[in-house]
């Protein structure tokens, strides 16, 4: 009878120890599944953003030409201002050269912007 009680006690302790190990394994598995879910969700959101951006670009809705043209024009204006300050030629000669160049550049920008807008309108219609 004494051996039987020792066997029951040992079996009970073994089962309790196994349940603790199983709980730890389950907890680790649950954490890994949560981490995997977070990674998959982030990748899905990134892919959805890329598809939406590509879709807007294909439809012509993702057009930044005007903003880029304004930034370019501002950069050119700053460059011209600095150039005027440090130019070796006389002011009148420099101004006349710049005026012609600026007018040509402005015409090219207007032509590009209007052709982009016309193309976007044709695609939308």
PDB file of N, CA and C in Angstrom:
ATOM      1  N   UNK A   1       0.815  -1.180   0.000  1.00  0.00           N
ATOM      2  CA  UNK A   1       0.000   0.000   0.000  1.00  0.00           C
ATOM      3  C   UNK A   1       0.871   1.261   0.000  1.00  0.00           C
ATOM      4  N   UNK A   2       1.974   1.232   0.720  1.00  0.00           N
ATOM      5  CA  UNK A   2       2.883   2.352   0.808  1.00  0.00           C
ATOM      6  C   UNK A   2       3.475   2.671  -0.566  1.00  0.00           C
ATOM      7  N   UNK A   3       3.836   1.642  -1.322  1.00  0.00           N
ATOM      8  CA  UNK A   3       4.368   1.837  -2.673  1.00  0.00           C
ATOM      9  C   UNK A   3       3.299   2.427  -3.602  1.00  0.00           C
ATOM     10  N   UNK A   4       2.056   1.995  -3.407  1.00  0.00           N
ATOM     11  CA  UNK A   4       0.968   2.495  -4.240  1.00  0.00           C
ATOM     12  C   UNK A   4       0.750   3.989  -3.970  1.00  0.00           C
ATOM     13  N   UNK A   5       0.809   4.442  -2.728  1.00  0.00           N
ATOM     14  CA  UNK A   5       0.655   5.851  -2.401  1.00  0.00           C
ATOM     15  C   UNK A   5       1.809   6.675  -2.974  1.00  0.00           C
ATOM     16  N   UNK A   6       3.023   6.096  -2.897  1.00  0.00           N
ATOM     17  CA  UNK A   6       4.176   6.788  -3.485  1.00  0.00           C
ATOM     18  C   UNK A   6       3.996   6.932  -5.003  1.00  0.00           C
ATOM     19  N   UNK A   7       3.466   5.868  -5.623  1.00  0.00           N
ATOM     20  CA  UNK A   7       3.225   5.905  -7.067  1.00  0.00           C
ATOM     21  C   UNK A   7       2.180   6.971  -7.404  1.00  0.00           C
ATOM     22  N   UNK A   8       1.092   7.040  -6.654  1.00  0.00           N
ATOM     23  CA  UNK A   8       0.061   8.036  -6.904  1.00  0.00           C
ATOM     24  C   UNK A   8       0.593   9.456  -6.676  1.00  0.00           C
ATOM     25  N   UNK A   9       1.333   9.640  -5.597  1.00  0.00           N
ATOM     26  CA  UNK A   9       1.901  10.943  -5.300  1.00  0.00           C
ATOM     27  C   UNK A   9       2.894  11.366  -6.388  1.00  0.00           C
ATOM     28  N   UNK A  10       3.746  10.458  -6.807  1.00  0.00           N
ATOM     29  CA  UNK A  10       4.714  10.749  -7.867  1.00  0.00           C
ATOM     30  C   UNK A  10       4.019  11.068  -9.186  1.00  0.00           C
ATOM     31  N   UNK A  11       2.968  10.300  -9.496  1.00  0.00           N
ATOM     32  CA  UNK A  11       2.221  10.543 -10.741  1.00  0.00           C
ATOM     33  C   UNK A  11       1.534  11.906 -10.700  1.00  0.00           C
ATOM     34  N   UNK A  12       0.963  12.251  -9.558  1.00  0.00           N
ATOM     35  CA  UNK A  12       0.308  13.546  -9.415  1.00  0.00           C
ATOM     36  C   UNK A  12       1.295  14.696  -9.575  1.00  0.00           C
ATOM     37  N   UNK A  13       2.463  14.569  -8.945  1.00  0.00           N
ATOM     38  CA  UNK A  13       3.489  15.604  -9.089  1.00  0.00           C
ATOM     39  C   UNK A  13       3.972  15.715 -10.542  1.00  0.00           C
ATOM     40  N   UNK A  14       4.132  14.563 -11.191  1.00  0.00           N
ATOM     41  CA  UNK A  14       4.559  14.578 -12.598  1.00  0.00           C
ATOM     42  C   UNK A  14       3.530  15.298 -13.465  1.00  0.00           C
ATOM     43  N   UNK A  15       2.252  15.007 -13.249  1.00  0.00           N
ATOM     44  CA  UNK A  15       1.194  15.644 -14.035  1.00  0.00           C
ATOM     45  C   UNK A  15       1.125  17.144 -13.756  1.00  0.00           C
ATOM     46  N   UNK A  16       1.314  17.554 -12.500  1.00  0.00           N
ATOM     47  CA  UNK A  16       1.319  18.976 -12.178  1.00  0.00           C
ATOM     48  C   UNK A  16       2.488  19.683 -12.858  1.00  0.00           C
ATOM     49  N   UNK A  17       3.638  19.026 -12.837  1.00  0.00           N
ATOM     50  CA  UNK A  17       4.814  19.604 -13.493  1.00  0.00           C
ATOM     51  C   UNK A  17       4.593  19.719 -14.996  1.00  0.00           C
ATOM     52  N   UNK A  18       3.975  18.733 -15.592  1.00  0.00           N
ATOM     53  CA  UNK A  18       3.696  18.768 -17.031  1.00  0.00           C
ATOM     54  C   UNK A  18       2.691  19.858 -17.372  1.00  0.00           C
ATOM     55  N   UNK A  19       1.696  20.071 -16.496  1.00  0.00           N
ATOM     56  CA  UNK A  19       0.710  21.106 -16.789  1.00  0.00           C
ATOM     57  C   UNK A  19       1.367  22.486 -16.747  1.00  0.00           C
ATOM     58  N   UNK A  20       2.345  22.700 -15.841  1.00  0.00           N
ATOM     59  CA  UNK A  20       3.076  23.972 -15.812  1.00  0.00           C
ATOM     60  C   UNK A  20       3.882  24.146 -17.092  1.00  0.00           C
ATOM     61  N   UNK A  21       4.535  23.096 -17.541  1.00  0.00           N
ATOM     62  CA  UNK A  21       5.309  23.173 -18.788  1.00  0.00           C
ATOM     63  C   UNK A  21       4.395  23.441 -19.973  1.00  0.00           C
ATOM     64  N   UNK A  22       3.244  22.768 -19.986  1.00  0.00           N
ATOM     65  CA  UNK A  22       2.295  22.946 -21.079  1.00  0.00           C
ATOM     66  C   UNK A  22       1.772  24.381 -21.098  1.00  0.00           C
ATOM     67  N   UNK A  23       1.538  24.926 -19.896  1.00  0.00           N
ATOM     68  CA  UNK A  23       1.068  26.306 -19.821  1.00  0.00           C
ATOM     69  C   UNK A  23       2.125  27.254 -20.372  1.00  0.00           C
ATOM     70  N   UNK A  24       3.373  27.045 -20.030  1.00  0.00           N
ATOM     71  CA  UNK A  24       4.454  27.880 -20.545  1.00  0.00           C
ATOM     72  C   UNK A  24       4.552  27.774 -22.060  1.00  0.00           C
ATOM     73  N   UNK A  25       4.432  26.571 -22.572  1.00  0.00           N
ATOM     74  CA  UNK A  25       4.487  26.370 -24.025  1.00  0.00           C
ATOM     75  C   UNK A  25       3.320  27.075 -24.686  1.00  0.00           C
ATOM     76  N   UNK A  26       2.133  26.959 -24.092  1.00  0.00           N
ATOM     77  CA  UNK A  26       0.968  27.634 -24.660  1.00  0.00           C
ATOM     78  C   UNK A  26       1.143  29.150 -24.644  1.00  0.00           C
ATOM     79  N   UNK A  27       1.678  29.678 -23.557  1.00  0.00           N
ATOM     80  CA  UNK A  27       1.904  31.123 -23.464  1.00  0.00           C
ATOM     81  C   UNK A  27       2.899  31.595 -24.515  1.00  0.00           C
ATOM     82  N   UNK A  28       3.982  30.848 -24.674  1.00  0.00           N
ATOM     83  CA  UNK A  28       4.974  31.222 -25.690  1.00  0.00           C
ATOM     84  C   UNK A  28       4.377  31.141 -27.082  1.00  0.00           C
ATOM     85  N   UNK A  29       3.597  30.093 -27.341  1.00  0.00           N
ATOM     86  CA  UNK A  29       2.968  29.946 -28.658  1.00  0.00           C
ATOM     87  C   UNK A  29       1.990  31.095 -28.908  1.00  0.00           C
ATOM     88  N   UNK A  30       1.236  31.473 -27.879  1.00  0.00           N
ATOM     89  CA  UNK A  30       0.284  32.578 -28.037  1.00  0.00           C
ATOM     90  C   UNK A  30       1.011  33.884 -28.334  1.00  0.00           C
ATOM     91  N   UNK A  31       2.134  34.125 -27.668  1.00  0.00           N
ATOM     92  CA  UNK A  31       2.910  35.348 -27.929  1.00  0.00           C
ATOM     93  C   UNK A  31       3.465  35.343 -29.349  1.00  0.00           C
ATOM     94  N   UNK A  32       3.947  34.176 -29.776  1.00  0.00           N
ATOM     95  CA  UNK A  32       4.492  34.098 -31.138  1.00  0.00           C
ATOM     96  C   UNK A  32       3.395  34.309 -32.172  1.00  0.00           C
ATOM     97  N   UNK A  33       2.221  33.771 -31.904  1.00  0.00           N
ATOM     98  CA  UNK A  33       1.104  33.963 -32.839  1.00  0.00           C
ATOM     99  C   UNK A  33       0.700  35.432 -32.874  1.00  0.00           C
ATOM    100  N   UNK A  34       0.687  36.092 -31.720  1.00  0.00           N
ATOM    101  CA  UNK A  34       0.378  37.525 -31.686  1.00  0.00           C
ATOM    102  C   UNK A  34       1.415  38.328 -32.460  1.00  0.00           C
ATOM    103  N   UNK A  35       2.681  37.991 -32.274  1.00  0.00           N
ATOM    104  CA  UNK A  35       3.742  38.683 -33.010  1.00  0.00           C
ATOM    105  C   UNK A  35       3.585  38.460 -34.504  1.00  0.00           C
ATOM    106  N   UNK A  36       3.298  37.228 -34.896  1.00  0.00           N
ATOM    107  CA  UNK A  36       3.110  36.916 -36.309  1.00  0.00           C
ATOM    108  C   UNK A  36       1.922  37.675 -36.868  1.00  0.00           C
ATOM    109  N   UNK A  37       0.836  37.751 -36.087  1.00  0.00           N
ATOM    110  CA  UNK A  37      -0.343  38.488 -36.534  1.00  0.00           C
ATOM    111  C   UNK A  37      -0.009  39.963 -36.754  1.00  0.00           C
ATOM    112  N   UNK A  38       0.772  40.550 -35.841  1.00  0.00           N
ATOM    113  CA  UNK A  38       1.157  41.955 -35.980  1.00  0.00           C
ATOM    114  C   UNK A  38       1.999  42.181 -37.229  1.00  0.00           C
ATOM    115  N   UNK A  39       2.927  41.269 -37.497  1.00  0.00           N
ATOM    116  CA  UNK A  39       3.785  41.394 -38.681  1.00  0.00           C
ATOM    117  C   UNK A  39       2.946  41.284 -39.948  1.00  0.00           C
ATOM    118  N   UNK A  40       2.057  40.309 -39.977  1.00  0.00           N
ATOM    119  CA  UNK A  40       1.206  40.116 -41.159  1.00  0.00           C
ATOM    120  C   UNK A  40       0.299  41.326 -41.360  1.00  0.00           C
ATOM    121  N   UNK A  41      -0.253  41.864 -40.279  1.00  0.00           N
ATOM    122  CA  UNK A  41      -1.123  43.029 -40.390  1.00  0.00           C
ATOM    123  C   UNK A  41      -0.350  44.235 -40.923  1.00  0.00           C
ATOM    124  N   UNK A  42       0.876  44.436 -40.448  1.00  0.00           N
ATOM    125  CA  UNK A  42       1.689  45.559 -40.925  1.00  0.00           C
ATOM    126  C   UNK A  42       2.016  45.400 -42.407  1.00  0.00           C
ATOM    127  N   UNK A  43       2.369  44.185 -42.810  1.00  0.00           N
ATOM    128  CA  UNK A  43       2.674  43.951 -44.228  1.00  0.00           C
ATOM    129  C   UNK A  43       1.435  44.159 -45.095  1.00  0.00           C
ATOM    130  N   UNK A  44       0.278  43.739 -44.604  1.00  0.00           N
ATOM    131  CA  UNK A  44      -0.959  43.945 -45.349  1.00  0.00           C
ATOM    132  C   UNK A  44      -1.241  45.434 -45.515  1.00  0.00           C
ATOM    133  N   UNK A  45      -1.079  46.203 -44.436  1.00  0.00           N
ATOM    134  CA  UNK A  45      -1.328  47.641 -44.512  1.00  0.00           C
ATOM    135  C   UNK A  45      -0.358  48.315 -45.478  1.00  0.00           C
ATOM    136  N   UNK A  46       0.912  47.904 -45.458  1.00  0.00           N
ATOM    137  CA  UNK A  46       1.890  48.461 -46.390  1.00  0.00           C
ATOM    138  C   UNK A  46       1.511  48.140 -47.833  1.00  0.00           C
ATOM    139  N   UNK A  47       1.121  46.886 -48.070  1.00  0.00           N
ATOM    140  CA  UNK A  47       0.733  46.492 -49.424  1.00  0.00           C
ATOM    141  C   UNK A  47      -0.516  47.247 -49.876  1.00  0.00           C
ATOM    142  N   UNK A  48      -1.485  47.412 -48.986  1.00  0.00           N
ATOM    143  CA  UNK A  48      -2.709  48.135 -49.335  1.00  0.00           C
ATOM    144  C   UNK A  48      -2.392  49.590 -49.660  1.00  0.00           C
ATOM    145  N   UNK A  49      -1.494  50.205 -48.896  1.00  0.00           N
ATOM    146  CA  UNK A  49      -1.096  51.587 -49.183  1.00  0.00           C
ATOM    147  C   UNK A  49      -0.423  51.692 -50.538  1.00  0.00           C
ATOM    148  N   UNK A  50       0.435  50.729 -50.853  1.00  0.00           N
ATOM    149  CA  UNK A  50       1.130  50.759 -52.150  1.00  0.00           C
ATOM    150  C   UNK A  50       0.151  50.576 -53.301  1.00  0.00           C
ATOM    151  N   UNK A  51      -0.796  49.668 -53.134  1.00  0.00           N
ATOM    152  CA  UNK A  51      -1.790  49.441 -54.194  1.00  0.00           C
ATOM    153  C   UNK A  51      -2.649  50.691 -54.380  1.00  0.00           C
ATOM    154  N   UNK A  52      -3.050  51.328 -53.279  1.00  0.00           N
ATOM    155  CA  UNK A  52      -3.861  52.546 -53.378  1.00  0.00           C
ATOM    156  C   UNK A  52      -3.075  53.657 -54.064  1.00  0.00           C
ATOM    157  N   UNK A  53      -1.803  53.791 -53.727  1.00  0.00           N
ATOM    158  CA  UNK A  53      -0.979  54.825 -54.353  1.00  0.00           C
ATOM    159  C   UNK A  53      -0.806  54.547 -55.845  1.00  0.00           C
ATOM    160  N   UNK A  54      -0.560  53.289 -56.197  1.00  0.00           N
ATOM    161  CA  UNK A  54      -0.419  52.931 -57.607  1.00  0.00           C
ATOM    162  C   UNK A  54      -1.724  53.164 -58.358  1.00  0.00           C
ATOM    163  N   UNK A  55      -2.840  52.859 -57.725  1.00  0.00           N
ATOM    164  CA  UNK A  55      -4.144  53.076 -58.350  1.00  0.00           C
ATOM    165  C   UNK A  55      -4.385  54.557 -58.622  1.00  0.00           C
ATOM    166  N   UNK A  56      -4.051  55.405 -57.628  1.00  0.00           N
ATOM    167  CA  UNK A  56      -4.203  56.849 -57.840  1.00  0.00           C
ATOM    168  C   UNK A  56      -3.289  57.334 -58.957  1.00  0.00           C
ATOM    169  N   UNK A  57      -2.084  56.805 -59.018  1.00  0.00           N
ATOM    170  CA  UNK A  57      -1.147  57.223 -60.057  1.00  0.00           C
ATOM    171  C   UNK A  57      -1.645  56.801 -61.438  1.00  0.00           C
ATOM    172  N   UNK A  58      -2.205  55.614 -61.544  1.00  0.00           N
ATOM    173  CA  UNK A  58      -2.719  55.129 -62.826  1.00  0.00           C
ATOM    174  C   UNK A  58      -3.908  55.967 -63.281  1.00  0.00           C
ATOM    175  N   UNK A  59      -4.776  56.347 -62.337  1.00  0.00           N
ATOM    176  CA  UNK A  59      -5.941  57.163 -62.683  1.00  0.00           C
ATOM    177  C   UNK A  59      -5.586  58.622 -62.890  1.00  0.00           C
ATOM    178  N   UNK A  60      -4.358  59.007 -62.574  1.00  0.00           N
ATOM    179  CA  UNK A  60      -3.950  60.386 -62.763  1.00  0.00           C
ATOM    180  C   UNK A  60      -4.317  61.298 -61.609  1.00  0.00           C
ATOM    181  N   UNK A  61      -4.739  60.725 -60.479  1.00  0.00           N
ATOM    182  CA  UNK A  61      -5.128  61.522 -59.327  1.00  0.00           C
ATOM    183  C   UNK A  61      -3.936  61.877 -58.446  1.00  0.00           C
ATOM    184  N   UNK A  62      -2.822  61.223 -58.639  1.00  0.00           N
ATOM    185  CA  UNK A  62      -1.645  61.432 -57.805  1.00  0.00           C
ATOM    186  C   UNK A  62      -0.658  62.320 -58.552  1.00  0.00           C
ATOM    187  N   UNK A  63      -1.110  63.520 -58.891  1.00  0.00           N
ATOM    188  CA  UNK A  63      -0.327  64.411 -59.736  1.00  0.00           C
ATOM    189  C   UNK A  63       0.270  65.528 -58.882  1.00  0.00           C
ATOM    190  N   UNK A  64       1.582  65.571 -58.784  1.00  0.00           N
ATOM    191  CA  UNK A  64       2.266  66.579 -57.991  1.00  0.00           C
ATOM    192  C   UNK A  64       3.036  67.554 -58.870  1.00  0.00           C
ATOM    193  N   UNK A  65       2.660  67.666 -60.124  1.00  0.00           N
ATOM    194  CA  UNK A  65       3.409  68.497 -61.062  1.00  0.00           C
ATOM    195  C   UNK A  65       3.385  69.965 -60.637  1.00  0.00           C
ATOM    196  N   UNK A  66       2.219  70.457 -60.263  1.00  0.00           N
ATOM    197  CA  UNK A  66       2.112  71.869 -59.904  1.00  0.00           C
ATOM    198  C   UNK A  66       2.952  72.190 -58.660  1.00  0.00           C
ATOM    199  N   UNK A  67       2.858  71.363 -57.637  1.00  0.00           N
ATOM    200  CA  UNK A  67       3.660  71.577 -56.434  1.00  0.00           C
ATOM    201  C   UNK A  67       5.153  71.519 -56.729  1.00  0.00           C
ATOM    202  N   UNK A  68       5.545  70.539 -57.535  1.00  0.00           N
ATOM    203  CA  UNK A  68       6.964  70.426 -57.897  1.00  0.00           C
ATOM    204  C   UNK A  68       7.409  71.620 -58.733  1.00  0.00           C
ATOM    205  N   UNK A  69       6.534  72.093 -59.617  1.00  0.00           N
ATOM    206  CA  UNK A  69       6.886  73.248 -60.449  1.00  0.00           C
ATOM    207  C   UNK A  69       7.060  74.495 -59.576  1.00  0.00           C
ATOM    208  N   UNK A  70       6.194  74.658 -58.566  1.00  0.00           N
ATOM    209  CA  UNK A  70       6.324  75.804 -57.674  1.00  0.00           C
ATOM    210  C   UNK A  70       7.608  75.731 -56.850  1.00  0.00           C
ATOM    211  N   UNK A  71       7.946  74.539 -56.387  1.00  0.00           N
ATOM    212  CA  UNK A  71       9.202  74.381 -55.637  1.00  0.00           C
ATOM    213  C   UNK A  71      10.403  74.691 -56.521  1.00  0.00           C
ATOM    214  N   UNK A  72      10.336  74.219 -57.752  1.00  0.00           N
ATOM    215  CA  UNK A  72      11.421  74.483 -58.693  1.00  0.00           C
ATOM    216  C   UNK A  72      11.537  75.983 -58.961  1.00  0.00           C
ATOM    217  N   UNK A  73      10.396  76.632 -59.175  1.00  0.00           N
ATOM    218  CA  UNK A  73      10.418  78.067 -59.439  1.00  0.00           C
ATOM    219  C   UNK A  73      10.965  78.842 -58.237  1.00  0.00           C
ATOM    220  N   UNK A  74      10.599  78.431 -57.026  1.00  0.00           N
ATOM    221  CA  UNK A  74      11.136  79.091 -55.830  1.00  0.00           C
ATOM    222  C   UNK A  74      12.645  78.898 -55.749  1.00  0.00           C
ATOM    223  N   UNK A  75      13.108  77.706 -56.055  1.00  0.00           N
ATOM    224  CA  UNK A  75      14.550  77.444 -56.044  1.00  0.00           C
ATOM    225  C   UNK A  75      15.283  78.273 -57.079  1.00  0.00           C
ATOM    226  N   UNK A  76      14.681  78.394 -58.232  1.00  0.00           N
ATOM    227  CA  UNK A  76      15.296  79.206 -59.285  1.00  0.00           C
ATOM    228  C   UNK A  76      15.319  80.669 -58.865  1.00  0.00           C
ATOM    229  N   UNK A  77      14.233  81.135 -58.241  1.00  0.00           N
ATOM    230  CA  UNK A  77      14.180  82.520 -57.773  1.00  0.00           C
ATOM    231  C   UNK A  77      15.276  82.812 -56.750  1.00  0.00           C
ATOM    232  N   UNK A  78      15.477  81.899 -55.812  1.00  0.00           N
ATOM    233  CA  UNK A  78      16.537  82.079 -54.823  1.00  0.00           C
ATOM    234  C   UNK A  78      17.895  82.077 -55.511  1.00  0.00           C
ATOM    235  N   UNK A  79      18.073  81.182 -56.453  1.00  0.00           N
ATOM    236  CA  UNK A  79      19.337  81.129 -57.193  1.00  0.00           C
ATOM    237  C   UNK A  79      19.604  82.404 -57.969  1.00  0.00           C
ATOM    238  N   UNK A  80      18.587  82.939 -58.576  1.00  0.00           N
ATOM    239  CA  UNK A  80      18.747  84.189 -59.332  1.00  0.00           C
ATOM    240  C   UNK A  80      19.100  85.330 -58.384  1.00  0.00           C
ATOM    241  N   UNK A  81      18.429  85.368 -57.229  1.00  0.00           N
ATOM    242  CA  UNK A  81      18.723  86.415 -56.254  1.00  0.00           C
ATOM    243  C   UNK A  81      20.168  86.369 -55.791  1.00  0.00           C
ATOM    244  N   UNK A  82      20.653  85.188 -55.491  1.00  0.00           N
ATOM    245  CA  UNK A  82      22.053  85.042 -55.070  1.00  0.00           C
ATOM    246  C   UNK A  82      22.978  85.386 -56.229  1.00  0.00           C
ATOM    247  N   UNK A  83      22.595  84.967 -57.417  1.00  0.00           N
ATOM    248  CA  UNK A  83      23.411  85.273 -58.602  1.00  0.00           C
ATOM    249  C   UNK A  83      23.523  86.769 -58.847  1.00  0.00           C
ATOM    250  N   UNK A  84      22.433  87.479 -58.648  1.00  0.00           N
ATOM    251  CA  UNK A  84      22.471  88.927 -58.826  1.00  0.00           C
ATOM    252  C   UNK A  84      23.394  89.599 -57.802  1.00  0.00           C
ATOM    253  N   UNK A  85      23.402  89.056 -56.617  1.00  0.00           N
ATOM    254  CA  UNK A  85      24.245  89.646 -55.575  1.00  0.00           C
ATOM    255  C   UNK A  85      25.737  89.447 -55.844  1.00  0.00           C
ATOM    256  N   UNK A  86      26.102  88.361 -56.451  1.00  0.00           N
ATOM    257  CA  UNK A  86      27.527  88.061 -56.643  1.00  0.00           C
ATOM    258  C   UNK A  86      27.944  88.090 -58.115  1.00  0.00           C
ATOM    259  N   UNK A  87      27.085  88.606 -58.990  1.00  0.00           N
ATOM    260  CA  UNK A  87      27.369  88.590 -60.428  1.00  0.00           C
ATOM    261  C   UNK A  87      28.502  89.564 -60.780  1.00  0.00           C
ATOM    262  N   UNK A  88      29.404  89.150 -61.687  1.00  0.00           N
ATOM    263  CA  UNK A  88      30.485  90.036 -62.102  1.00  0.00           C
ATOM    264  C   UNK A  88      30.051  91.040 -63.178  1.00  0.00           C
ATOM    265  N   UNK A  89      28.939  90.787 -63.889  1.00  0.00           N
ATOM    266  CA  UNK A  89      28.492  91.686 -64.954  1.00  0.00           C
ATOM    267  C   UNK A  89      27.681  92.827 -64.351  1.00  0.00           C
ATOM    268  N   UNK A  90      27.402  93.822 -65.165  1.00  0.00           N
ATOM    269  CA  UNK A  90      26.609  94.959 -64.690  1.00  0.00           C
ATOM    270  C   UNK A  90      25.164  94.506 -64.461  1.00  0.00           C
ATOM    271  N   UNK A  91      24.458  95.256 -63.646  1.00  0.00           N
ATOM    272  CA  UNK A  91      23.088  94.911 -63.295  1.00  0.00           C
ATOM    273  C   UNK A  91      22.167  94.863 -64.491  1.00  0.00           C
ATOM    274  N   UNK A  92      22.276  95.835 -65.401  1.00  0.00           N
ATOM    275  CA  UNK A  92      21.393  95.890 -66.567  1.00  0.00           C
ATOM    276  C   UNK A  92      21.620  94.685 -67.472  1.00  0.00           C
ATOM    277  N   UNK A  93      22.862  94.317 -67.719  1.00  0.00           N
ATOM    278  CA  UNK A  93      23.159  93.164 -68.573  1.00  0.00           C
ATOM    279  C   UNK A  93      22.632  91.873 -67.941  1.00  0.00           C
ATOM    280  N   UNK A  94      22.841  91.739 -66.660  1.00  0.00           N
ATOM    281  CA  UNK A  94      22.393  90.525 -65.957  1.00  0.00           C
ATOM    282  C   UNK A  94      20.876  90.436 -65.948  1.00  0.00           C
ATOM    283  N   UNK A  95      20.195  91.541 -65.671  1.00  0.00           N
ATOM    284  CA  UNK A  95      18.731  91.528 -65.635  1.00  0.00           C
ATOM    285  C   UNK A  95      18.130  91.185 -66.985  1.00  0.00           C
ATOM    286  N   UNK A  96      18.678  91.719 -68.055  1.00  0.00           N
ATOM    287  CA  UNK A  96      18.121  91.425 -69.382  1.00  0.00           C
ATOM    288  C   UNK A  96      18.350  89.964 -69.749  1.00  0.00           C
ATOM    289  N   UNK A  97      19.493  89.404 -69.376  1.00  0.00           N
ATOM    290  CA  UNK A  97      19.760  87.985 -69.663  1.00  0.00           C
ATOM    291  C   UNK A  97      18.834  87.090 -68.847  1.00  0.00           C
ATOM    292  N   UNK A  98      18.625  87.460 -67.598  1.00  0.00           N
ATOM    293  CA  UNK A  98      17.769  86.650 -66.732  1.00  0.00           C
ATOM    294  C   UNK A  98      16.313  86.753 -67.166  1.00  0.00           C
ATOM    295  N   UNK A  99      15.868  87.933 -67.548  1.00  0.00           N
ATOM    296  CA  UNK A  99      14.476  88.121 -67.946  1.00  0.00           C
ATOM    297  C   UNK A  99      14.132  87.228 -69.138  1.00  0.00           C
ATOM    298  N   UNK A 100      15.012  87.151 -70.108  1.00  0.00           N
ATOM    299  CA  UNK A 100      14.757  86.292 -71.263  1.00  0.00           C
ATOM    300  C   UNK A 100      14.713  84.817 -70.872  1.00  0.00           C
ATOM    301  N   UNK A 101      15.641  84.411 -70.018  1.00  0.00           N
ATOM    302  CA  UNK A 101      15.671  83.012 -69.583  1.00  0.00           C
ATOM    303  C   UNK A 101      14.452  82.656 -68.751  1.00  0.00           C
ATOM    304  N   UNK A 102      14.062  83.561 -67.860  1.00  0.00           N
ATOM    305  CA  UNK A 102      12.901  83.301 -67.011  1.00  0.00           C
ATOM    306  C   UNK A 102      11.637  83.213 -67.849  1.00  0.00           C
ATOM    307  N   UNK A 103      11.513  84.061 -68.827  1.00  0.00           N
ATOM    308  CA  UNK A 103      10.323  84.029 -69.677  1.00  0.00           C
ATOM    309  C   UNK A 103      10.256  82.710 -70.459  1.00  0.00           C
ATOM    310  N   UNK A 104      11.380  82.250 -70.988  1.00  0.00           N
ATOM    311  CA  UNK A 104      11.405  80.977 -71.707  1.00  0.00           C
ATOM    312  C   UNK A 104      11.063  79.822 -70.765  1.00  0.00           C
ATOM    313  N   UNK A 105      11.641  79.841 -69.581  1.00  0.00           N
ATOM    314  CA  UNK A 105      11.363  78.780 -68.615  1.00  0.00           C
ATOM    315  C   UNK A 105       9.895  78.786 -68.202  1.00  0.00           C
ATOM    316  N   UNK A 106       9.334  79.966 -67.955  1.00  0.00           N
ATOM    317  CA  UNK A 106       7.924  80.079 -67.578  1.00  0.00           C
ATOM    318  C   UNK A 106       7.004  79.531 -68.657  1.00  0.00           C
ATOM    319  N   UNK A 107       7.334  79.795 -69.906  1.00  0.00           N
ATOM    320  CA  UNK A 107       6.527  79.268 -71.007  1.00  0.00           C
ATOM    321  C   UNK A 107       6.575  77.738 -71.038  1.00  0.00           C
ATOM    322  N   UNK A 108       7.763  77.180 -70.815  1.00  0.00           N
ATOM    323  CA  UNK A 108       7.882  75.713 -70.812  1.00  0.00           C
ATOM    324  C   UNK A 108       7.107  75.095 -69.642  1.00  0.00           C
ATOM    325  N   UNK A 109       7.171  75.722 -68.463  1.00  0.00           N
ATOM    326  CA  UNK A 109       6.444  75.201 -67.304  1.00  0.00           C
ATOM    327  C   UNK A 109       4.949  75.267 -67.547  1.00  0.00           C
ATOM    328  N   UNK A 110       4.452  76.400 -68.056  1.00  0.00           N
ATOM    329  CA  UNK A 110       3.015  76.521 -68.343  1.00  0.00           C
ATOM    330  C   UNK A 110       2.563  75.467 -69.338  1.00  0.00           C
ATOM    331  N   UNK A 111       3.344  75.265 -70.376  1.00  0.00           N
ATOM    332  CA  UNK A 111       2.998  74.272 -71.392  1.00  0.00           C
ATOM    333  C   UNK A 111       2.925  72.871 -70.769  1.00  0.00           C
ATOM    334  N   UNK A 112       3.894  72.533 -69.917  1.00  0.00           N
ATOM    335  CA  UNK A 112       3.919  71.217 -69.272  1.00  0.00           C
ATOM    336  C   UNK A 112       2.737  71.042 -68.325  1.00  0.00           C
ATOM    337  N   UNK A 113       2.444  72.047 -67.511  1.00  0.00           N
ATOM    338  CA  UNK A 113       1.344  71.957 -66.544  1.00  0.00           C
ATOM    339  C   UNK A 113       0.019  71.837 -67.275  1.00  0.00           C
ATOM    340  N   UNK A 114      -0.189  72.647 -68.306  1.00  0.00           N
ATOM    341  CA  UNK A 114      -1.464  72.579 -69.026  1.00  0.00           C
ATOM    342  C   UNK A 114      -1.622  71.260 -69.761  1.00  0.00           C
ATOM    343  N   UNK A 115      -0.535  70.715 -70.291  1.00  0.00           N
ATOM    344  CA  UNK A 115      -0.657  69.414 -70.977  1.00  0.00           C
ATOM    345  C   UNK A 115      -0.952  68.311 -69.961  1.00  0.00           C
ATOM    346  N   UNK A 116      -0.377  68.380 -68.740  1.00  0.00           N
ATOM    347  CA  UNK A 116      -0.674  67.400 -67.702  1.00  0.00           C
ATOM    348  C   UNK A 116      -2.132  67.512 -67.273  1.00  0.00           C
ATOM    349  N   UNK A 117      -2.630  68.734 -67.090  1.00  0.00           N
ATOM    350  CA  UNK A 117      -4.021  68.928 -66.695  1.00  0.00           C
ATOM    351  C   UNK A 117      -4.971  68.438 -67.776  1.00  0.00           C
ATOM    352  N   UNK A 118      -4.646  68.706 -69.030  1.00  0.00           N
ATOM    353  CA  UNK A 118      -5.506  68.245 -70.133  1.00  0.00           C
ATOM    354  C   UNK A 118      -5.516  66.727 -70.188  1.00  0.00           C
ATOM    355  N   UNK A 119      -4.362  66.107 -69.976  1.00  0.00           N
ATOM    356  CA  UNK A 119      -4.296  64.643 -69.999  1.00  0.00           C
ATOM    357  C   UNK A 119      -5.099  64.060 -68.835  1.00  0.00           C
ATOM    358  N   UNK A 120      -5.007  64.664 -67.655  1.00  0.00           N
ATOM    359  CA  UNK A 120      -5.765  64.183 -66.501  1.00  0.00           C
ATOM    360  C   UNK A 120      -7.263  64.355 -66.748  1.00  0.00           C
ATOM    361  N   UNK A 121      -7.672  65.468 -67.363  1.00  0.00           N
ATOM    362  CA  UNK A 121      -9.086  65.705 -67.655  1.00  0.00           C
ATOM    363  C   UNK A 121      -9.603  64.699 -68.684  1.00  0.00           C
ATOM    364  N   UNK A 122      -8.768  64.373 -69.670  1.00  0.00           N
ATOM    365  CA  UNK A 122      -9.169  63.404 -70.688  1.00  0.00           C
ATOM    366  C   UNK A 122      -9.319  62.022 -70.084  1.00  0.00           C
ATOM    367  N   UNK A 123      -8.424  61.665 -69.149  1.00  0.00           N
ATOM    368  CA  UNK A 123      -8.519  60.369 -68.492  1.00  0.00           C
ATOM    369  C   UNK A 123      -9.714  60.308 -67.554  1.00  0.00           C
ATOM    370  N   UNK A 124     -10.069  61.432 -66.937  1.00  0.00           N
ATOM    371  CA  UNK A 124     -11.208  61.442 -66.007  1.00  0.00           C
ATOM    372  C   UNK A 124     -12.531  61.395 -66.765  1.00  0.00           C
ATOM    373  N   UNK A 125     -12.545  61.947 -67.954  1.00  0.00           N
ATOM    374  CA  UNK A 125     -13.811  62.053 -68.714  1.00  0.00           C
ATOM    375  C   UNK A 125     -14.143  60.823 -69.400  1.00  0.00           C
TER     376      UNK A 125
END
